[in-house]
């Protein structure tokens, strides 16, 4: 160590002497509150990530597979395959922060707008997600030769995908 520099541990009396000053007490209190808030915010981010992973949107293939499994449980339907078509893909509306800057020169004033995406955990913050609208559904089922099975399948698809019955085609599966 450098000559003349001594490092000693603070004893109880020195700490009490520092804390007697009102300004020092306020600074210590602010530091403690800041540490508590940082710890709390860190826990919030972990919980938020866990929630966002569990509420992720199913892909079209997953949705078709899940619907096929459910429809095959209808009495008399047998093996079922489903194809869903959409008008477009899903869209995500991202939050933006805008700043307006005005600069004035001798006889002109210029306005500019800076637009930046709001980032959370390294990804843009999604304000709203718009899911695609179903264009139509094709279902093939072993039991589709029976009118009551076709009707039950049609009603189930219409209810689950919120699609009109005239956009659902049901065919008997080849055996």
C-alpha atoms as a PDB file:
ATOM      1  CA  UNK A   1       0.000   0.000   0.000  1.00  0.00           C
ATOM      2  CA  UNK A   2       0.976   3.610  -0.411  1.00  0.00           C
ATOM      3  CA  UNK A   3       2.862   5.313   2.390  1.00  0.00           C
ATOM      4  CA  UNK A   4       0.657   7.124   4.854  1.00  0.00           C
ATOM      5  CA  UNK A   5      -2.580   5.412   3.678  1.00  0.00           C
ATOM      6  CA  UNK A   6      -4.148   3.278   6.358  1.00  0.00           C
ATOM      7  CA  UNK A   7      -7.278   1.231   5.858  1.00  0.00           C
ATOM      8  CA  UNK A   8      -9.191   0.527   9.046  1.00  0.00           C
ATOM      9  CA  UNK A   9     -12.595  -0.941   9.706  1.00  0.00           C
ATOM     10  CA  UNK A  10     -15.212   1.481  10.945  1.00  0.00           C
ATOM     11  CA  UNK A  11     -16.168   0.907  14.524  1.00  0.00           C
ATOM     12  CA  UNK A  12     -19.570   1.447  16.049  1.00  0.00           C
ATOM     13  CA  UNK A  13     -18.792   4.963  17.297  1.00  0.00           C
ATOM     14  CA  UNK A  14     -17.735   6.204  13.842  1.00  0.00           C
ATOM     15  CA  UNK A  15     -20.929   4.854  12.254  1.00  0.00           C
ATOM     16  CA  UNK A  16     -23.091   6.522  14.923  1.00  0.00           C
ATOM     17  CA  UNK A  17     -21.207   9.797  14.423  1.00  0.00           C
ATOM     18  CA  UNK A  18     -21.950   9.680  10.658  1.00  0.00           C
ATOM     19  CA  UNK A  19     -25.638   8.850  11.207  1.00  0.00           C
ATOM     20  CA  UNK A  20     -26.142  11.775  13.640  1.00  0.00           C
ATOM     21  CA  UNK A  21     -26.013  14.152  10.671  1.00  0.00           C
ATOM     22  CA  UNK A  22     -29.539  14.535   9.184  1.00  0.00           C
ATOM     23  CA  UNK A  23     -28.275  14.685   5.598  1.00  0.00           C
ATOM     24  CA  UNK A  24     -26.336  11.451   6.015  1.00  0.00           C
ATOM     25  CA  UNK A  25     -29.412   9.717   7.478  1.00  0.00           C
ATOM     26  CA  UNK A  26     -31.490  10.847   4.489  1.00  0.00           C
ATOM     27  CA  UNK A  27     -28.871   9.566   2.062  1.00  0.00           C
ATOM     28  CA  UNK A  28     -28.717   6.186   3.848  1.00  0.00           C
ATOM     29  CA  UNK A  29     -32.514   5.944   3.838  1.00  0.00           C
ATOM     30  CA  UNK A  30     -32.651   6.729   0.100  1.00  0.00           C
ATOM     31  CA  UNK A  31     -29.980   4.089  -0.590  1.00  0.00           C
ATOM     32  CA  UNK A  32     -31.884   1.455   1.391  1.00  0.00           C
ATOM     33  CA  UNK A  33     -35.145   2.277  -0.412  1.00  0.00           C
ATOM     34  CA  UNK A  34     -33.315   2.129  -3.754  1.00  0.00           C
ATOM     35  CA  UNK A  35     -31.901  -1.315  -2.996  1.00  0.00           C
ATOM     36  CA  UNK A  36     -35.339  -2.582  -1.933  1.00  0.00           C
ATOM     37  CA  UNK A  37     -36.918  -1.238  -5.139  1.00  0.00           C
ATOM     38  CA  UNK A  38     -34.224  -2.827  -7.322  1.00  0.00           C
ATOM     39  CA  UNK A  39     -34.743  -6.198  -5.646  1.00  0.00           C
ATOM     40  CA  UNK A  40     -38.516  -5.895  -6.060  1.00  0.00           C
ATOM     41  CA  UNK A  41     -38.193  -4.866  -9.718  1.00  0.00           C
ATOM     42  CA  UNK A  42     -35.914  -7.831 -10.412  1.00  0.00           C
ATOM     43  CA  UNK A  43     -38.527 -10.221  -9.013  1.00  0.00           C
ATOM     44  CA  UNK A  44     -41.236  -8.554 -11.112  1.00  0.00           C
ATOM     45  CA  UNK A  45     -39.284  -9.084 -14.332  1.00  0.00           C
ATOM     46  CA  UNK A  46     -38.873 -12.787 -13.593  1.00  0.00           C
ATOM     47  CA  UNK A  47     -42.592 -13.206 -12.887  1.00  0.00           C
ATOM     48  CA  UNK A  48     -43.498 -11.241 -16.029  1.00  0.00           C
ATOM     49  CA  UNK A  49     -41.301 -13.483 -18.186  1.00  0.00           C
ATOM     50  CA  UNK A  50     -42.914 -16.591 -16.735  1.00  0.00           C
ATOM     51  CA  UNK A  51     -46.397 -15.268 -17.500  1.00  0.00           C
ATOM     52  CA  UNK A  52     -45.539 -14.264 -21.070  1.00  0.00           C
ATOM     53  CA  UNK A  53     -44.157 -17.739 -21.826  1.00  0.00           C
ATOM     54  CA  UNK A  54     -47.312 -19.482 -20.635  1.00  0.00           C
ATOM     55  CA  UNK A  55     -49.655 -17.235 -22.623  1.00  0.00           C
ATOM     56  CA  UNK A  56     -47.873 -17.541 -25.941  1.00  0.00           C
ATOM     57  CA  UNK A  57     -50.026 -17.900 -29.032  1.00  0.00           C
ATOM     58  CA  UNK A  58     -50.486 -21.335 -30.548  1.00  0.00           C
ATOM     59  CA  UNK A  59     -49.197 -21.781 -34.059  1.00  0.00           C
ATOM     60  CA  UNK A  60     -51.616 -22.704 -36.846  1.00  0.00           C
ATOM     61  CA  UNK A  61     -50.293 -26.279 -36.879  1.00  0.00           C
ATOM     62  CA  UNK A  62     -50.802 -26.628 -33.124  1.00  0.00           C
ATOM     63  CA  UNK A  63     -54.325 -25.265 -33.441  1.00  0.00           C
ATOM     64  CA  UNK A  64     -55.136 -27.726 -36.246  1.00  0.00           C
ATOM     65  CA  UNK A  65     -53.717 -30.639 -34.258  1.00  0.00           C
ATOM     66  CA  UNK A  66     -55.633 -29.690 -31.105  1.00  0.00           C
ATOM     67  CA  UNK A  67     -58.895 -29.278 -33.037  1.00  0.00           C
ATOM     68  CA  UNK A  68     -58.345 -32.639 -34.773  1.00  0.00           C
ATOM     69  CA  UNK A  69     -57.898 -34.366 -31.419  1.00  0.00           C
ATOM     70  CA  UNK A  70     -61.067 -32.818 -30.011  1.00  0.00           C
ATOM     71  CA  UNK A  71     -63.173 -33.519 -33.104  1.00  0.00           C
ATOM     72  CA  UNK A  72     -62.048 -37.170 -33.180  1.00  0.00           C
ATOM     73  CA  UNK A  73     -63.678 -37.552 -29.737  1.00  0.00           C
ATOM     74  CA  UNK A  74     -67.121 -36.823 -31.215  1.00  0.00           C
ATOM     75  CA  UNK A  75     -69.169 -40.026 -31.242  1.00  0.00           C
ATOM     76  CA  UNK A  76     -68.902 -41.649 -34.675  1.00  0.00           C
ATOM     77  CA  UNK A  77     -66.321 -39.186 -36.083  1.00  0.00           C
ATOM     78  CA  UNK A  78     -63.376 -41.601 -36.059  1.00  0.00           C
ATOM     79  CA  UNK A  79     -60.011 -40.319 -37.292  1.00  0.00           C
ATOM     80  CA  UNK A  80     -60.129 -36.590 -38.101  1.00  0.00           C
ATOM     81  CA  UNK A  81     -57.791 -34.209 -39.970  1.00  0.00           C
ATOM     82  CA  UNK A  82     -58.195 -30.423 -40.024  1.00  0.00           C
ATOM     83  CA  UNK A  83     -56.803 -27.635 -42.201  1.00  0.00           C
ATOM     84  CA  UNK A  84     -57.400 -23.997 -41.236  1.00  0.00           C
ATOM     85  CA  UNK A  85     -56.739 -21.111 -43.635  1.00  0.00           C
ATOM     86  CA  UNK A  86     -56.371 -17.480 -42.575  1.00  0.00           C
ATOM     87  CA  UNK A  87     -56.748 -14.114 -44.316  1.00  0.00           C
ATOM     88  CA  UNK A  88     -53.400 -12.914 -42.947  1.00  0.00           C
ATOM     89  CA  UNK A  89     -50.875 -13.597 -40.232  1.00  0.00           C
ATOM     90  CA  UNK A  90     -51.026 -12.205 -36.697  1.00  0.00           C
ATOM     91  CA  UNK A  91     -49.901  -8.629 -36.137  1.00  0.00           C
ATOM     92  CA  UNK A  92     -48.246  -7.082 -33.116  1.00  0.00           C
ATOM     93  CA  UNK A  93     -48.739  -3.409 -32.302  1.00  0.00           C
ATOM     94  CA  UNK A  94     -45.597  -2.083 -30.646  1.00  0.00           C
ATOM     95  CA  UNK A  95     -45.398   0.790 -28.137  1.00  0.00           C
ATOM     96  CA  UNK A  96     -43.429   3.798 -29.388  1.00  0.00           C
ATOM     97  CA  UNK A  97     -41.945   6.761 -27.568  1.00  0.00           C
ATOM     98  CA  UNK A  98     -42.069   9.954 -29.601  1.00  0.00           C
ATOM     99  CA  UNK A  99     -40.131  13.127 -28.983  1.00  0.00           C
ATOM    100  CA  UNK A 100     -40.818  16.367 -30.829  1.00  0.00           C
ATOM    101  CA  UNK A 101     -37.883  18.652 -31.374  1.00  0.00           C
ATOM    102  CA  UNK A 102     -38.248  22.228 -32.541  1.00  0.00           C
ATOM    103  CA  UNK A 103     -35.296  24.224 -33.708  1.00  0.00           C
ATOM    104  CA  UNK A 104     -35.691  27.845 -34.688  1.00  0.00           C
ATOM    105  CA  UNK A 105     -33.226  29.718 -36.792  1.00  0.00           C
ATOM    106  CA  UNK A 106     -33.290  33.314 -37.922  1.00  0.00           C
ATOM    107  CA  UNK A 107     -36.501  33.186 -39.950  1.00  0.00           C
ATOM    108  CA  UNK A 108     -37.336  29.463 -39.985  1.00  0.00           C
ATOM    109  CA  UNK A 109     -38.528  27.018 -37.387  1.00  0.00           C
ATOM    110  CA  UNK A 110     -38.020  23.328 -37.998  1.00  0.00           C
ATOM    111  CA  UNK A 111     -39.889  20.515 -36.300  1.00  0.00           C
ATOM    112  CA  UNK A 112     -38.662  16.956 -36.176  1.00  0.00           C
ATOM    113  CA  UNK A 113     -40.136  13.871 -34.566  1.00  0.00           C
ATOM    114  CA  UNK A 114     -38.030  11.061 -33.154  1.00  0.00           C
ATOM    115  CA  UNK A 115     -39.864   7.765 -32.849  1.00  0.00           C
ATOM    116  CA  UNK A 116     -38.300   4.888 -30.887  1.00  0.00           C
ATOM    117  CA  UNK A 117     -39.764   1.519 -29.905  1.00  0.00           C
ATOM    118  CA  UNK A 118     -40.155   1.016 -26.162  1.00  0.00           C
ATOM    119  CA  UNK A 119     -37.958  -1.925 -25.144  1.00  0.00           C
ATOM    120  CA  UNK A 120     -38.561  -4.335 -22.248  1.00  0.00           C
ATOM    121  CA  UNK A 121     -36.074  -7.099 -21.525  1.00  0.00           C
ATOM    122  CA  UNK A 122     -34.355  -6.457 -24.860  1.00  0.00           C
ATOM    123  CA  UNK A 123     -37.525  -6.877 -26.949  1.00  0.00           C
ATOM    124  CA  UNK A 124     -40.079  -4.317 -28.187  1.00  0.00           C
ATOM    125  CA  UNK A 125     -43.055  -3.863 -25.863  1.00  0.00           C
ATOM    126  CA  UNK A 126     -46.216  -5.264 -27.469  1.00  0.00           C
ATOM    127  CA  UNK A 127     -49.292  -3.167 -26.712  1.00  0.00           C
ATOM    128  CA  UNK A 128     -51.795  -5.318 -28.584  1.00  0.00           C
ATOM    129  CA  UNK A 129     -51.689  -8.481 -30.667  1.00  0.00           C
ATOM    130  CA  UNK A 130     -54.216  -8.852 -33.468  1.00  0.00           C
ATOM    131  CA  UNK A 131     -54.912 -12.475 -34.307  1.00  0.00           C
ATOM    132  CA  UNK A 132     -55.672 -13.481 -37.899  1.00  0.00           C
ATOM    133  CA  UNK A 133     -59.239 -14.016 -39.034  1.00  0.00           C
ATOM    134  CA  UNK A 134     -60.143 -17.519 -40.173  1.00  0.00           C
ATOM    135  CA  UNK A 135     -60.886 -17.721 -43.890  1.00  0.00           C
ATOM    136  CA  UNK A 136     -62.136 -21.311 -43.960  1.00  0.00           C
ATOM    137  CA  UNK A 137     -61.802 -24.808 -42.531  1.00  0.00           C
ATOM    138  CA  UNK A 138     -61.555 -28.202 -44.207  1.00  0.00           C
ATOM    139  CA  UNK A 139     -62.258 -31.292 -42.125  1.00  0.00           C
ATOM    140  CA  UNK A 140     -61.892 -34.905 -43.195  1.00  0.00           C
ATOM    141  CA  UNK A 141     -63.362 -37.559 -40.899  1.00  0.00           C
ATOM    142  CA  UNK A 142     -63.980 -41.288 -41.177  1.00  0.00           C
ATOM    143  CA  UNK A 143     -67.535 -40.866 -39.878  1.00  0.00           C
ATOM    144  CA  UNK A 144     -68.420 -37.884 -42.101  1.00  0.00           C
ATOM    145  CA  UNK A 145     -70.715 -40.105 -44.181  1.00  0.00           C
ATOM    146  CA  UNK A 146     -73.315 -39.757 -41.412  1.00  0.00           C
ATOM    147  CA  UNK A 147     -75.268 -36.460 -41.520  1.00  0.00           C
ATOM    148  CA  UNK A 148     -75.519 -36.176 -37.706  1.00  0.00           C
ATOM    149  CA  UNK A 149     -71.723 -36.537 -37.351  1.00  0.00           C
ATOM    150  CA  UNK A 150     -71.161 -33.889 -40.057  1.00  0.00           C
ATOM    151  CA  UNK A 151     -73.555 -31.544 -38.245  1.00  0.00           C
ATOM    152  CA  UNK A 152     -71.819 -32.096 -34.881  1.00  0.00           C
ATOM    153  CA  UNK A 153     -68.378 -31.491 -36.422  1.00  0.00           C
ATOM    154  CA  UNK A 154     -69.610 -28.364 -38.215  1.00  0.00           C
ATOM    155  CA  UNK A 155     -71.101 -26.915 -35.016  1.00  0.00           C
ATOM    156  CA  UNK A 156     -67.934 -27.693 -33.027  1.00  0.00           C
ATOM    157  CA  UNK A 157     -65.672 -26.026 -35.599  1.00  0.00           C
ATOM    158  CA  UNK A 158     -67.961 -22.984 -35.893  1.00  0.00           C
ATOM    159  CA  UNK A 159     -68.033 -22.574 -32.106  1.00  0.00           C
ATOM    160  CA  UNK A 160     -64.299 -23.053 -31.529  1.00  0.00           C
ATOM    161  CA  UNK A 161     -63.006 -20.858 -34.370  1.00  0.00           C
ATOM    162  CA  UNK A 162     -65.864 -18.341 -34.613  1.00  0.00           C
ATOM    163  CA  UNK A 163     -66.268 -19.035 -38.326  1.00  0.00           C
ATOM    164  CA  UNK A 164     -69.617 -19.187 -40.177  1.00  0.00           C
ATOM    165  CA  UNK A 165     -70.882 -22.664 -41.107  1.00  0.00           C
ATOM    166  CA  UNK A 166     -70.763 -21.863 -44.838  1.00  0.00           C
ATOM    167  CA  UNK A 167     -66.953 -21.573 -44.577  1.00  0.00           C
ATOM    168  CA  UNK A 168     -66.564 -25.092 -43.176  1.00  0.00           C
ATOM    169  CA  UNK A 169     -66.196 -28.059 -45.552  1.00  0.00           C
ATOM    170  CA  UNK A 170     -66.500 -31.574 -44.134  1.00  0.00           C
ATOM    171  CA  UNK A 171     -65.606 -34.658 -46.193  1.00  0.00           C
ATOM    172  CA  UNK A 172     -65.570 -38.408 -45.609  1.00  0.00           C
ATOM    173  CA  UNK A 173     -62.045 -39.711 -45.165  1.00  0.00           C
ATOM    174  CA  UNK A 174     -60.769 -42.434 -47.468  1.00  0.00           C
ATOM    175  CA  UNK A 175     -60.299 -45.751 -45.701  1.00  0.00           C
END
